[in-house]
């Protein structure tokens, strides 16, 4: 599993979007804002090394939002084929 997670992290764009975390921001709400759906919360969590079972992000922390979601999803589909 760690090998797959590291592979996915390598797919993140070199020019991501950055957002500053605000009080009550969560990976799912940021996924809705940037990707149009909460189901991609895991992309933001992986990009920011959030793996402690929480969806919340730290307020005032710079949050990396990968800009190449279609490429990430396509690569993940191919990796699971």
Protein backbone atom coordinates (compact mmCIF):
# COMPACT_ATOMS: atom_id res chain seq x y z
CA UNK A 1 0.00 0.00 0.00
CA UNK A 2 2.82 2.43 0.84
CA UNK A 3 4.33 1.79 -2.58
CA UNK A 4 1.06 2.76 -4.28
CA UNK A 5 0.71 5.87 -2.11
CA UNK A 6 4.23 7.00 -3.03
CA UNK A 7 3.49 6.35 -6.70
CA UNK A 8 0.32 8.46 -6.50
CA UNK A 9 2.22 11.31 -4.84
CA UNK A 10 4.59 11.31 -7.83
CA UNK A 11 1.63 12.00 -10.14
CA UNK A 12 0.85 15.35 -8.51
CA UNK A 13 1.49 18.28 -10.80
CA UNK A 14 4.62 20.37 -10.49
CA UNK A 15 2.46 23.51 -10.49
CA UNK A 16 -0.23 22.83 -7.90
CA UNK A 17 -2.68 25.36 -6.53
CA UNK A 18 -2.04 26.47 -2.97
CA UNK A 19 -4.69 27.53 -0.49
CA UNK A 20 -4.30 28.64 3.09
CA UNK A 21 -6.23 26.50 5.52
CA UNK A 22 -8.97 28.25 7.46
CA UNK A 23 -10.73 27.30 10.63
CA UNK A 24 -13.04 24.34 9.91
CA UNK A 25 -11.49 23.59 6.48
CA UNK A 26 -11.47 19.91 5.67
CA UNK A 27 -10.04 17.88 2.80
CA UNK A 28 -13.55 17.03 1.61
CA UNK A 29 -14.71 20.68 1.55
CA UNK A 30 -11.56 21.70 -0.33
CA UNK A 31 -12.12 18.85 -2.82
CA UNK A 32 -15.67 20.15 -3.38
CA UNK A 33 -14.33 23.68 -3.90
CA UNK A 34 -11.55 22.75 -6.34
CA UNK A 35 -12.75 19.51 -7.96
CA UNK A 36 -16.53 19.82 -7.71
CA UNK A 37 -16.94 16.73 -5.53
CA UNK A 38 -16.07 15.69 -2.00
CA UNK A 39 -15.10 12.18 -3.14
CA UNK A 40 -11.63 13.36 -4.10
CA UNK A 41 -10.71 14.32 -0.52
CA UNK A 42 -8.02 11.61 -0.56
CA UNK A 43 -6.05 13.43 -3.30
CA UNK A 44 -5.69 16.50 -1.09
CA UNK A 45 -4.95 14.36 1.97
CA UNK A 46 -2.16 12.50 0.15
CA UNK A 47 -0.71 15.69 -1.31
CA UNK A 48 -0.43 17.13 2.19
CA UNK A 49 0.65 13.99 4.07
CA UNK A 50 -2.59 13.91 6.06
CA UNK A 51 -2.86 10.31 7.12
CA UNK A 52 -3.90 10.44 10.75
CA UNK A 53 -7.53 9.52 10.05
CA UNK A 54 -8.71 13.13 10.12
CA UNK A 55 -10.10 15.14 7.23
CA UNK A 56 -9.40 18.51 8.85
CA UNK A 57 -6.49 20.70 7.85
CA UNK A 58 -4.56 23.03 10.10
CA UNK A 59 -5.70 26.63 10.04
CA UNK A 60 -3.15 29.00 8.49
CA UNK A 61 -1.21 26.10 6.94
CA UNK A 62 -0.52 26.22 3.21
CA UNK A 63 -2.49 23.41 1.57
CA UNK A 64 -1.36 21.87 -1.72
CA UNK A 65 -4.17 21.21 -4.21
CA UNK A 66 -2.94 19.06 -7.12
CA UNK A 67 -4.09 20.64 -10.37
CA UNK A 68 -4.00 17.53 -12.54
CA UNK A 69 -6.87 15.46 -11.11
CA UNK A 70 -7.79 13.77 -14.43
CA UNK A 71 -4.18 12.55 -14.84
CA UNK A 72 -4.08 11.28 -11.26
CA UNK A 73 -7.35 9.37 -11.72
CA UNK A 74 -6.25 7.92 -15.07
CA UNK A 75 -2.90 6.79 -13.68
CA UNK A 76 -4.62 5.23 -10.66
CA UNK A 77 -7.02 3.37 -12.96
CA UNK A 78 -4.10 2.04 -15.00
CA UNK A 79 -2.21 1.04 -11.87
CA UNK A 80 -5.20 -0.97 -10.68
CA UNK A 81 -5.76 -2.72 -14.03
